[in-house]
N, C-alpha and C. Protein backbone atom coordinates (compact mmCIF):
# COMPACT_ATOMS: atom_id res chain seq x y z
N MET A 1 91.48 76.42 107.15
CA MET A 1 91.54 77.60 108.01
C MET A 1 90.29 78.48 107.82
N LEU A 2 89.77 78.54 106.59
CA LEU A 2 88.56 79.32 106.37
C LEU A 2 87.39 78.74 107.15
N GLY A 3 87.39 77.41 107.32
CA GLY A 3 86.31 76.78 108.07
C GLY A 3 86.28 77.17 109.52
N GLU A 4 87.39 77.67 110.06
CA GLU A 4 87.44 78.10 111.45
C GLU A 4 86.88 79.51 111.65
N HIS A 5 86.64 80.24 110.54
CA HIS A 5 86.11 81.60 110.62
C HIS A 5 84.60 81.56 110.45
N GLU A 6 83.91 82.34 111.28
CA GLU A 6 82.46 82.40 111.16
C GLU A 6 82.08 83.19 109.92
N PRO A 7 81.33 82.61 109.00
CA PRO A 7 80.97 83.33 107.77
C PRO A 7 80.05 84.50 108.06
N LYS A 8 80.17 85.53 107.24
CA LYS A 8 79.35 86.72 107.40
C LYS A 8 77.96 86.51 106.83
N VAL A 9 77.83 85.58 105.90
CA VAL A 9 76.55 85.31 105.27
C VAL A 9 76.49 83.82 104.96
N ASP A 10 75.28 83.28 105.00
CA ASP A 10 75.05 81.87 104.67
C ASP A 10 74.48 81.79 103.26
N PRO A 11 75.23 81.22 102.31
CA PRO A 11 74.72 81.14 100.93
C PRO A 11 73.40 80.38 100.82
N ALA A 12 73.11 79.52 101.78
CA ALA A 12 71.85 78.79 101.73
C ALA A 12 70.66 79.71 101.98
N LYS A 13 70.86 80.74 102.83
CA LYS A 13 69.79 81.68 103.14
C LYS A 13 69.81 82.89 102.21
N LYS A 14 71.00 83.31 101.83
CA LYS A 14 71.16 84.45 100.92
C LYS A 14 72.03 83.98 99.76
N PRO A 15 71.43 83.48 98.70
CA PRO A 15 72.21 82.87 97.61
C PRO A 15 73.20 83.84 96.97
N LEU A 16 74.27 83.27 96.49
CA LEU A 16 75.30 84.03 95.79
C LEU A 16 74.73 84.58 94.49
N PRO A 17 74.91 85.88 94.21
CA PRO A 17 74.39 86.44 92.94
C PRO A 17 75.00 85.73 91.74
N SER A 18 74.27 85.72 90.65
CA SER A 18 74.76 85.08 89.44
C SER A 18 75.97 85.82 88.90
N ASP A 19 76.88 85.07 88.32
CA ASP A 19 78.11 85.64 87.77
C ASP A 19 77.83 86.10 86.34
N THR A 20 77.86 87.42 86.14
CA THR A 20 77.54 87.97 84.82
C THR A 20 78.77 88.24 83.98
N LYS A 21 79.96 88.02 84.54
CA LYS A 21 81.19 88.30 83.78
C LYS A 21 81.40 87.23 82.73
N ARG A 22 81.95 87.65 81.60
CA ARG A 22 82.25 86.72 80.51
C ARG A 22 83.55 85.99 80.82
N ARG A 23 83.51 84.70 80.80
CA ARG A 23 84.68 83.89 81.12
C ARG A 23 85.36 83.42 79.84
N THR A 24 86.67 83.38 79.86
CA THR A 24 87.44 82.85 78.74
C THR A 24 88.34 81.74 79.25
N LYS A 25 88.53 80.73 78.42
CA LYS A 25 89.37 79.61 78.82
C LYS A 25 90.84 80.00 78.70
N ARG A 26 91.61 79.70 79.73
CA ARG A 26 93.04 79.99 79.69
C ARG A 26 93.78 78.86 78.99
N LYS A 27 94.80 79.24 78.24
CA LYS A 27 95.58 78.24 77.53
C LYS A 27 96.39 77.38 78.48
N HIS A 28 96.87 78.01 79.55
CA HIS A 28 97.70 77.28 80.51
C HIS A 28 97.11 77.47 81.91
N GLN A 29 96.79 76.40 82.56
CA GLN A 29 96.24 76.45 83.90
C GLN A 29 97.35 76.72 84.91
N ARG A 30 97.13 77.71 85.76
CA ARG A 30 98.13 78.01 86.78
C ARG A 30 98.18 76.89 87.81
N THR A 31 99.38 76.56 88.27
CA THR A 31 99.52 75.46 89.23
C THR A 31 99.12 75.87 90.63
N GLY A 32 99.04 77.18 90.91
CA GLY A 32 98.73 77.62 92.27
C GLY A 32 97.27 77.89 92.51
N ASP A 33 96.38 77.52 91.59
CA ASP A 33 94.95 77.79 91.76
C ASP A 33 94.40 77.04 92.96
N PHE A 34 93.40 77.65 93.60
CA PHE A 34 92.72 76.98 94.71
C PHE A 34 91.93 75.79 94.18
N ARG A 35 91.76 74.81 95.02
CA ARG A 35 91.01 73.62 94.64
C ARG A 35 89.65 73.59 95.33
N PHE A 36 89.05 74.77 95.43
CA PHE A 36 87.68 74.89 95.93
C PHE A 36 87.11 76.17 95.31
N ASP A 37 85.83 76.40 95.52
CA ASP A 37 85.15 77.53 94.90
C ASP A 37 85.54 78.82 95.64
N VAL A 38 86.49 79.55 95.08
CA VAL A 38 86.98 80.77 95.72
C VAL A 38 85.88 81.82 95.81
N ARG A 39 85.08 81.92 94.77
CA ARG A 39 84.03 82.94 94.74
C ARG A 39 83.03 82.75 95.87
N THR A 40 82.63 81.50 96.11
CA THR A 40 81.68 81.22 97.19
C THR A 40 82.30 81.51 98.55
N GLU A 41 83.56 81.10 98.76
CA GLU A 41 84.21 81.34 100.04
C GLU A 41 84.40 82.83 100.31
N ALA A 42 84.76 83.59 99.26
CA ALA A 42 84.91 85.03 99.44
C ALA A 42 83.56 85.67 99.75
N TYR A 43 82.51 85.17 99.13
CA TYR A 43 81.16 85.69 99.39
C TYR A 43 80.76 85.43 100.84
N LYS A 44 81.08 84.25 101.35
CA LYS A 44 80.74 83.92 102.73
C LYS A 44 81.48 84.81 103.72
N GLN A 45 82.73 85.16 103.45
CA GLN A 45 83.53 85.93 104.40
C GLN A 45 83.24 87.43 104.32
N PHE A 46 83.02 87.96 103.12
CA PHE A 46 82.78 89.40 102.99
C PHE A 46 81.30 89.76 103.05
N GLY A 47 80.40 88.80 102.78
CA GLY A 47 78.97 89.08 102.81
C GLY A 47 78.43 89.57 101.50
N VAL A 48 79.30 89.95 100.56
CA VAL A 48 78.91 90.38 99.22
C VAL A 48 79.88 89.75 98.22
N ASP A 49 79.50 89.78 96.96
CA ASP A 49 80.35 89.18 95.93
C ASP A 49 81.39 90.20 95.47
N VAL A 50 82.53 90.25 96.15
CA VAL A 50 83.57 91.21 95.78
C VAL A 50 84.28 90.80 94.50
N THR A 51 84.12 89.54 94.07
CA THR A 51 84.74 89.12 92.82
C THR A 51 84.06 89.76 91.61
N GLY A 52 82.91 90.41 91.83
CA GLY A 52 82.26 91.13 90.75
C GLY A 52 82.98 92.43 90.41
N ILE A 53 83.84 92.91 91.32
CA ILE A 53 84.63 94.11 91.06
C ILE A 53 85.76 93.74 90.12
N PRO A 54 85.92 94.41 88.99
CA PRO A 54 86.97 94.04 88.04
C PRO A 54 88.35 94.03 88.67
N GLY A 55 89.09 92.94 88.43
CA GLY A 55 90.44 92.80 88.94
C GLY A 55 90.55 92.01 90.21
N LEU A 56 89.44 91.81 90.93
CA LEU A 56 89.49 91.14 92.23
C LEU A 56 89.12 89.66 92.16
N GLU A 57 88.91 89.14 90.96
CA GLU A 57 88.46 87.75 90.84
C GLU A 57 89.44 86.78 91.49
N GLY A 58 90.75 87.02 91.31
CA GLY A 58 91.74 86.06 91.80
C GLY A 58 92.39 86.41 93.12
N ILE A 59 92.08 87.60 93.69
CA ILE A 59 92.79 88.02 94.91
C ILE A 59 91.85 88.30 96.07
N ALA A 60 90.56 87.92 95.93
CA ALA A 60 89.59 88.23 96.98
C ALA A 60 89.99 87.61 98.31
N LEU A 61 90.39 86.33 98.29
CA LEU A 61 90.77 85.68 99.55
C LEU A 61 92.11 86.19 100.07
N MET A 62 92.98 86.65 99.18
CA MET A 62 94.23 87.26 99.63
C MET A 62 93.93 88.55 100.40
N LEU A 63 92.98 89.33 99.91
CA LEU A 63 92.58 90.54 100.63
C LEU A 63 92.02 90.19 102.01
N TYR A 64 91.22 89.13 102.06
CA TYR A 64 90.65 88.72 103.35
C TYR A 64 91.75 88.29 104.32
N SER A 65 92.75 87.58 103.82
CA SER A 65 93.83 87.12 104.70
C SER A 65 94.68 88.28 105.21
N GLU A 66 94.74 89.39 104.46
CA GLU A 66 95.55 90.53 104.86
C GLU A 66 94.82 91.50 105.78
N MET A 67 93.50 91.66 105.59
CA MET A 67 92.80 92.72 106.33
C MET A 67 91.51 92.27 106.99
N GLY A 68 91.07 91.03 106.75
CA GLY A 68 89.82 90.59 107.34
C GLY A 68 88.63 91.22 106.64
N ASN A 69 87.48 91.27 107.34
CA ASN A 69 86.27 91.82 106.73
C ASN A 69 85.63 92.92 107.55
N ASP A 70 86.32 93.43 108.57
CA ASP A 70 85.78 94.50 109.42
C ASP A 70 86.20 95.85 108.85
N MET A 71 85.30 96.51 108.14
CA MET A 71 85.61 97.80 107.53
C MET A 71 85.32 98.96 108.47
N ASN A 72 84.85 98.68 109.67
CA ASN A 72 84.57 99.76 110.62
C ASN A 72 85.84 100.38 111.18
N ARG A 73 86.99 99.78 110.90
CA ARG A 73 88.25 100.37 111.35
C ARG A 73 88.58 101.65 110.61
N TRP A 74 87.93 101.86 109.46
CA TRP A 74 88.14 103.07 108.68
C TRP A 74 86.81 103.78 108.54
N SER A 75 86.80 105.05 108.87
CA SER A 75 85.55 105.80 108.89
C SER A 75 85.05 106.20 107.51
N SER A 76 85.92 106.16 106.52
CA SER A 76 85.51 106.57 105.17
C SER A 76 86.38 105.86 104.15
N ALA A 77 85.94 105.94 102.89
CA ALA A 77 86.72 105.35 101.80
C ALA A 77 88.05 106.07 101.64
N SER A 78 88.06 107.38 101.88
CA SER A 78 89.30 108.15 101.77
C SER A 78 90.32 107.68 102.82
N GLN A 79 89.84 107.42 104.03
CA GLN A 79 90.76 106.95 105.07
C GLN A 79 91.29 105.55 104.74
N PHE A 80 90.43 104.71 104.18
CA PHE A 80 90.87 103.38 103.78
C PHE A 80 91.91 103.45 102.68
N ALA A 81 91.65 104.30 101.66
CA ALA A 81 92.61 104.45 100.57
C ALA A 81 93.93 105.02 101.07
N SER A 82 93.87 105.91 102.06
CA SER A 82 95.10 106.45 102.63
C SER A 82 95.88 105.37 103.36
N TRP A 83 95.17 104.48 104.05
CA TRP A 83 95.84 103.38 104.76
C TRP A 83 96.54 102.44 103.79
N THR A 84 95.95 102.25 102.61
CA THR A 84 96.58 101.38 101.61
C THR A 84 97.73 102.06 100.88
N ALA A 85 97.99 103.33 101.19
CA ALA A 85 99.08 104.11 100.58
C ALA A 85 98.86 104.29 99.08
N LEU A 86 97.61 104.47 98.69
CA LEU A 86 97.30 104.71 97.28
C LEU A 86 96.87 106.14 97.02
N CYS A 87 96.91 107.00 98.06
CA CYS A 87 96.49 108.39 97.91
C CYS A 87 97.68 109.27 97.54
N PRO A 88 97.43 110.35 96.79
CA PRO A 88 98.51 111.31 96.52
C PRO A 88 99.00 111.96 97.81
N ASP A 89 100.28 112.27 97.85
CA ASP A 89 100.87 112.91 99.02
C ASP A 89 101.68 114.11 98.54
N ASN A 90 101.06 115.29 98.58
CA ASN A 90 101.70 116.49 98.08
C ASN A 90 102.62 117.10 99.15
N ASP A 91 103.84 117.42 98.76
CA ASP A 91 104.81 118.07 99.65
C ASP A 91 104.74 119.57 99.41
N LYS A 92 104.21 120.31 100.40
CA LYS A 92 104.01 121.75 100.26
C LYS A 92 104.95 122.52 101.19
N SER A 93 105.31 123.71 100.74
CA SER A 93 106.12 124.61 101.55
C SER A 93 105.79 126.04 101.13
N GLY A 94 105.31 126.83 102.10
CA GLY A 94 104.94 128.21 101.80
C GLY A 94 103.79 128.32 100.83
N GLY A 95 102.90 127.34 100.83
CA GLY A 95 101.76 127.36 99.93
C GLY A 95 102.04 126.84 98.55
N ARG A 96 103.30 126.50 98.26
CA ARG A 96 103.65 125.97 96.94
C ARG A 96 103.83 124.46 97.02
N ILE A 97 103.40 123.77 95.96
CA ILE A 97 103.57 122.32 95.88
C ILE A 97 104.96 122.03 95.32
N LEU A 98 105.81 121.42 96.14
CA LEU A 98 107.17 121.11 95.72
C LEU A 98 107.29 119.73 95.08
N TRP A 99 106.41 118.82 95.49
CA TRP A 99 106.50 117.44 94.98
C TRP A 99 105.14 116.79 95.11
N THR A 100 104.78 115.98 94.12
CA THR A 100 103.54 115.22 94.17
C THR A 100 103.85 113.75 93.90
N GLY A 101 103.13 112.89 94.54
CA GLY A 101 103.34 111.45 94.37
C GLY A 101 102.56 110.70 95.43
N VAL A 102 102.83 109.43 95.57
CA VAL A 102 102.19 108.62 96.60
C VAL A 102 103.17 108.39 97.74
N ARG A 103 102.62 108.14 98.92
CA ARG A 103 103.48 107.92 100.08
C ARG A 103 104.29 106.63 99.92
N GLN A 104 105.55 106.71 100.28
CA GLN A 104 106.44 105.55 100.14
C GLN A 104 106.25 104.62 101.35
N VAL A 105 105.11 103.95 101.36
CA VAL A 105 104.75 103.04 102.44
C VAL A 105 104.49 101.68 101.82
N LYS A 106 105.06 100.64 102.39
CA LYS A 106 104.82 99.29 101.89
C LYS A 106 103.59 98.72 102.58
N ASN A 107 102.54 98.57 101.81
CA ASN A 107 101.28 98.04 102.31
C ASN A 107 100.86 96.90 101.39
N ARG A 108 100.72 95.71 101.93
CA ARG A 108 100.45 94.54 101.09
C ARG A 108 99.06 94.61 100.47
N VAL A 109 98.10 95.23 101.16
CA VAL A 109 96.77 95.39 100.59
C VAL A 109 96.84 96.34 99.39
N GLY A 110 97.60 97.42 99.55
CA GLY A 110 97.78 98.35 98.43
C GLY A 110 98.44 97.68 97.24
N GLN A 111 99.41 96.82 97.49
CA GLN A 111 100.06 96.10 96.41
C GLN A 111 99.09 95.16 95.70
N LEU A 112 98.17 94.56 96.46
CA LEU A 112 97.17 93.69 95.84
C LEU A 112 96.24 94.49 94.94
N PHE A 113 95.85 95.69 95.38
CA PHE A 113 95.00 96.52 94.54
C PHE A 113 95.74 96.97 93.28
N ARG A 114 97.04 97.24 93.40
CA ARG A 114 97.83 97.57 92.21
C ARG A 114 97.88 96.39 91.25
N GLN A 115 98.03 95.19 91.82
CA GLN A 115 98.03 93.98 90.99
C GLN A 115 96.70 93.83 90.28
N ALA A 116 95.61 94.11 90.99
CA ALA A 116 94.28 94.02 90.38
C ALA A 116 94.14 95.02 89.24
N ALA A 117 94.61 96.24 89.46
CA ALA A 117 94.51 97.27 88.42
C ALA A 117 95.35 96.91 87.20
N ASN A 118 96.55 96.41 87.43
CA ASN A 118 97.46 96.09 86.33
C ASN A 118 96.92 94.96 85.45
N SER A 119 96.06 94.12 86.01
CA SER A 119 95.52 92.98 85.26
C SER A 119 94.41 93.40 84.30
N LEU A 120 94.00 94.68 84.33
CA LEU A 120 92.85 95.13 83.54
C LEU A 120 93.24 95.86 82.28
N HIS A 121 94.50 95.77 81.88
CA HIS A 121 94.94 96.56 80.73
C HIS A 121 94.16 96.21 79.46
N HIS A 122 93.82 94.94 79.28
CA HIS A 122 93.08 94.52 78.08
C HIS A 122 91.60 94.27 78.38
N SER A 123 91.17 94.63 79.58
CA SER A 123 89.78 94.39 79.97
C SER A 123 88.85 95.35 79.23
N GLN A 124 87.70 94.84 78.79
CA GLN A 124 86.71 95.67 78.11
C GLN A 124 85.68 96.25 79.07
N THR A 125 85.91 96.12 80.36
CA THR A 125 85.02 96.70 81.36
C THR A 125 85.28 98.20 81.47
N PRO A 126 84.34 98.96 82.04
CA PRO A 126 84.59 100.40 82.25
C PRO A 126 85.84 100.66 83.08
N MET A 127 86.13 99.78 84.04
CA MET A 127 87.34 99.95 84.85
C MET A 127 88.59 99.78 83.99
N GLY A 128 88.54 98.86 83.04
CA GLY A 128 89.67 98.71 82.12
C GLY A 128 89.87 99.95 81.28
N GLY A 129 88.76 100.55 80.82
CA GLY A 129 88.86 101.80 80.07
C GLY A 129 89.43 102.92 80.91
N TYR A 130 89.04 102.96 82.18
CA TYR A 130 89.57 103.98 83.09
C TYR A 130 91.08 103.81 83.28
N LEU A 131 91.53 102.57 83.42
CA LEU A 131 92.97 102.31 83.58
C LEU A 131 93.74 102.80 82.36
N ARG A 132 93.24 102.49 81.17
CA ARG A 132 93.95 102.90 79.95
C ARG A 132 93.98 104.43 79.81
N ARG A 133 92.90 105.10 80.19
CA ARG A 133 92.89 106.57 80.13
C ARG A 133 93.91 107.16 81.10
N MET A 134 93.96 106.62 82.30
CA MET A 134 94.88 107.15 83.30
C MET A 134 96.34 106.88 82.91
N LYS A 135 96.61 105.72 82.32
CA LYS A 135 97.97 105.43 81.88
C LYS A 135 98.40 106.37 80.75
N ALA A 136 97.46 106.68 79.85
CA ALA A 136 97.77 107.61 78.77
C ALA A 136 97.97 109.03 79.29
N LYS A 137 97.26 109.38 80.35
CA LYS A 137 97.32 110.74 80.88
C LYS A 137 98.47 110.94 81.85
N LEU A 138 98.71 109.95 82.73
CA LEU A 138 99.67 110.11 83.82
C LEU A 138 100.94 109.30 83.66
N GLY A 139 100.95 108.35 82.75
CA GLY A 139 102.06 107.42 82.67
C GLY A 139 101.67 106.09 83.27
N ALA A 140 102.46 105.06 83.00
CA ALA A 140 102.10 103.70 83.40
C ALA A 140 101.99 103.55 84.91
N GLU A 141 103.01 103.96 85.65
CA GLU A 141 103.02 103.73 87.09
C GLU A 141 101.92 104.53 87.79
N ALA A 142 101.82 105.81 87.48
CA ALA A 142 100.80 106.64 88.11
C ALA A 142 99.41 106.23 87.68
N GLY A 143 99.25 105.78 86.43
CA GLY A 143 97.95 105.34 85.96
C GLY A 143 97.47 104.09 86.69
N ILE A 144 98.38 103.15 86.92
CA ILE A 144 98.02 101.94 87.67
C ILE A 144 97.64 102.30 89.10
N THR A 145 98.38 103.23 89.71
CA THR A 145 98.05 103.64 91.07
C THR A 145 96.69 104.31 91.13
N ALA A 146 96.37 105.15 90.13
CA ALA A 146 95.06 105.81 90.10
C ALA A 146 93.93 104.79 89.98
N ALA A 147 94.11 103.79 89.12
CA ALA A 147 93.09 102.75 88.98
C ALA A 147 92.98 101.91 90.24
N ALA A 148 94.12 101.61 90.87
CA ALA A 148 94.11 100.85 92.12
C ALA A 148 93.39 101.63 93.22
N HIS A 149 93.58 102.95 93.24
CA HIS A 149 92.91 103.80 94.21
C HIS A 149 91.39 103.73 94.03
N LYS A 150 90.92 103.75 92.79
CA LYS A 150 89.48 103.67 92.53
C LYS A 150 88.94 102.29 92.91
N ILE A 151 89.67 101.23 92.59
CA ILE A 151 89.22 99.89 92.96
C ILE A 151 89.14 99.76 94.48
N ALA A 152 90.10 100.33 95.20
CA ALA A 152 90.09 100.27 96.67
C ALA A 152 88.87 100.98 97.23
N ARG A 153 88.52 102.13 96.69
CA ARG A 153 87.36 102.87 97.18
C ARG A 153 86.07 102.11 96.88
N ILE A 154 85.99 101.50 95.70
CA ILE A 154 84.80 100.70 95.36
C ILE A 154 84.69 99.50 96.29
N PHE A 155 85.82 98.83 96.54
CA PHE A 155 85.84 97.68 97.44
C PHE A 155 85.35 98.08 98.83
N TYR A 156 85.83 99.20 99.33
CA TYR A 156 85.42 99.67 100.66
C TYR A 156 83.91 99.90 100.69
N ALA A 157 83.37 100.60 99.68
CA ALA A 157 81.95 100.92 99.67
C ALA A 157 81.10 99.66 99.58
N VAL A 158 81.54 98.69 98.76
CA VAL A 158 80.78 97.46 98.58
C VAL A 158 80.72 96.65 99.88
N VAL A 159 81.87 96.49 100.53
CA VAL A 159 81.92 95.68 101.76
C VAL A 159 81.30 96.43 102.94
N LYS A 160 81.60 97.71 103.07
CA LYS A 160 81.09 98.47 104.22
C LYS A 160 79.58 98.58 104.18
N ASN A 161 79.01 98.86 103.00
CA ASN A 161 77.57 99.06 102.88
C ASN A 161 76.82 97.78 102.53
N GLN A 162 77.57 96.68 102.29
CA GLN A 162 76.95 95.39 101.96
C GLN A 162 76.01 95.52 100.76
N VAL A 163 76.55 96.10 99.68
CA VAL A 163 75.81 96.22 98.43
C VAL A 163 76.64 95.58 97.33
N GLU A 164 75.96 95.06 96.32
CA GLU A 164 76.66 94.43 95.21
C GLU A 164 77.20 95.49 94.25
N TYR A 165 78.32 95.19 93.62
CA TYR A 165 78.92 96.10 92.66
C TYR A 165 78.02 96.25 91.44
N ASP A 166 77.72 97.50 91.09
CA ASP A 166 76.83 97.80 89.96
C ASP A 166 77.63 98.52 88.89
N GLN A 167 77.86 97.84 87.78
CA GLN A 167 78.68 98.40 86.71
C GLN A 167 77.95 99.48 85.93
N THR A 168 76.62 99.53 86.03
CA THR A 168 75.86 100.51 85.25
C THR A 168 76.09 101.94 85.71
N THR A 169 76.61 102.14 86.93
CA THR A 169 76.86 103.50 87.40
C THR A 169 77.92 104.19 86.56
N TRP A 170 78.75 103.40 85.87
CA TRP A 170 79.77 104.00 85.02
C TRP A 170 79.14 104.73 83.84
N HIS A 171 77.94 104.32 83.42
CA HIS A 171 77.30 104.94 82.26
C HIS A 171 77.05 106.42 82.51
N ARG A 172 76.59 106.76 83.72
CA ARG A 172 76.34 108.16 84.05
C ARG A 172 77.65 108.95 84.04
N GLN A 173 78.71 108.34 84.54
CA GLN A 173 80.00 109.03 84.53
C GLN A 173 80.51 109.24 83.10
N ASP A 174 80.28 108.26 82.23
CA ASP A 174 80.70 108.40 80.84
C ASP A 174 79.94 109.54 80.16
N LEU A 175 78.63 109.67 80.44
CA LEU A 175 77.86 110.75 79.86
C LEU A 175 78.36 112.10 80.35
N GLU A 176 78.66 112.19 81.63
CA GLU A 176 79.17 113.44 82.19
C GLU A 176 80.53 113.79 81.58
N ARG A 177 81.40 112.80 81.41
CA ARG A 177 82.70 113.05 80.80
C ARG A 177 82.55 113.48 79.35
N GLN A 178 81.56 112.91 78.63
CA GLN A 178 81.31 113.30 77.25
C GLN A 178 80.84 114.75 77.18
N ARG A 179 79.98 115.16 78.12
CA ARG A 179 79.51 116.55 78.14
C ARG A 179 80.66 117.52 78.42
N ARG A 180 81.54 117.15 79.35
CA ARG A 180 82.67 118.03 79.64
C ARG A 180 83.59 118.15 78.43
N LEU A 181 83.82 117.04 77.72
CA LEU A 181 84.67 117.08 76.54
C LEU A 181 84.06 117.95 75.45
N GLU A 182 82.75 117.82 75.25
CA GLU A 182 82.07 118.63 74.23
C GLU A 182 82.15 120.11 74.58
N ALA A 183 81.94 120.45 75.86
CA ALA A 183 82.03 121.85 76.27
C ALA A 183 83.44 122.40 76.07
N LYS A 184 84.44 121.58 76.34
CA LYS A 184 85.83 122.01 76.15
C LYS A 184 86.13 122.30 74.68
N ILE A 185 85.67 121.41 73.79
CA ILE A 185 85.91 121.60 72.36
C ILE A 185 85.19 122.84 71.85
N ARG A 186 83.98 123.08 72.36
CA ARG A 186 83.24 124.28 71.94
C ARG A 186 83.98 125.55 72.37
N ARG A 187 84.52 125.55 73.59
CA ARG A 187 85.28 126.72 74.05
C ARG A 187 86.51 126.95 73.19
N GLN A 188 87.21 125.86 72.85
CA GLN A 188 88.39 126.00 72.01
C GLN A 188 88.03 126.52 70.62
N ALA A 189 86.91 126.04 70.08
CA ALA A 189 86.49 126.50 68.75
C ALA A 189 86.14 127.99 68.79
N ARG A 190 85.41 128.44 69.82
CA ARG A 190 85.08 129.87 69.92
C ARG A 190 86.33 130.72 70.06
N GLY A 191 87.33 130.21 70.80
CA GLY A 191 88.57 130.95 70.95
C GLY A 191 89.32 131.13 69.65
N LEU A 192 89.13 130.21 68.71
CA LEU A 192 89.78 130.30 67.40
C LEU A 192 88.88 130.94 66.35
N GLY A 193 87.69 131.38 66.77
CA GLY A 193 86.79 132.06 65.84
C GLY A 193 85.91 131.13 65.05
N PHE A 194 85.70 129.91 65.52
CA PHE A 194 84.86 128.94 64.82
C PHE A 194 83.65 128.60 65.68
N GLN A 195 82.68 127.98 65.04
CA GLN A 195 81.49 127.51 65.74
C GLN A 195 81.21 126.08 65.33
N LEU A 196 81.04 125.22 66.31
CA LEU A 196 80.77 123.81 66.01
C LEU A 196 79.31 123.62 65.60
N VAL A 197 79.11 122.84 64.56
CA VAL A 197 77.77 122.52 64.09
C VAL A 197 77.62 121.02 64.06
N PRO A 198 76.58 120.46 64.75
CA PRO A 198 76.41 118.99 64.75
C PRO A 198 76.17 118.46 63.34
N ILE A 199 76.67 117.28 63.08
CA ILE A 199 76.45 116.62 61.79
C ILE A 199 75.03 116.08 61.74
N GLN A 200 74.29 116.45 60.71
CA GLN A 200 72.93 115.99 60.57
C GLN A 200 72.92 114.57 60.01
N PRO A 201 72.13 113.69 60.59
CA PRO A 201 72.07 112.30 60.08
C PRO A 201 71.51 112.26 58.66
N VAL A 202 72.06 111.38 57.85
CA VAL A 202 71.62 111.22 56.47
C VAL A 202 70.31 110.43 56.43
N ALA A 203 69.34 110.94 55.71
CA ALA A 203 68.03 110.28 55.62
C ALA A 203 68.17 108.95 54.90
């Protein structure tokens, strides 16, 4: 069936980027695995290597079968995330928030992104670290939804703009988060009458 679809890119003219992810051998081979190169087929249909996004290695073609590769149906990543029912939906009345949560909409693409997020609990990638932080902060269910929401937005940007996923952008976010944490601790110390002093390295 994939052969009946016109590919978005020809690997012969635009070669598939090298796979930089560390692979581990599974103890038990799943019986439902595809018997062809899924990564190459997903690259041909989406035009970029979406399997480079953490969590999407095994569901890239499932996403294609559910939504295709035309991202022009959504004008922004926020609209796409809303369509997948991964966005918060606050119930307000009189200016007060009465309830917060996600919309109770069954969307198979959203479920796939949740599956992708849930598979990263032991991942050493920045996305895996983000999932663990969100689960610790919001709880298991809300944390998985938050990670799935981020994966969906990254997927939209990668496919819509036809750019490869760059994991190094997380480094800048980590530095910014570290600065915010340091500023918070300094404010708390001043409030208690203390002053933080950096530890001097031992010669």
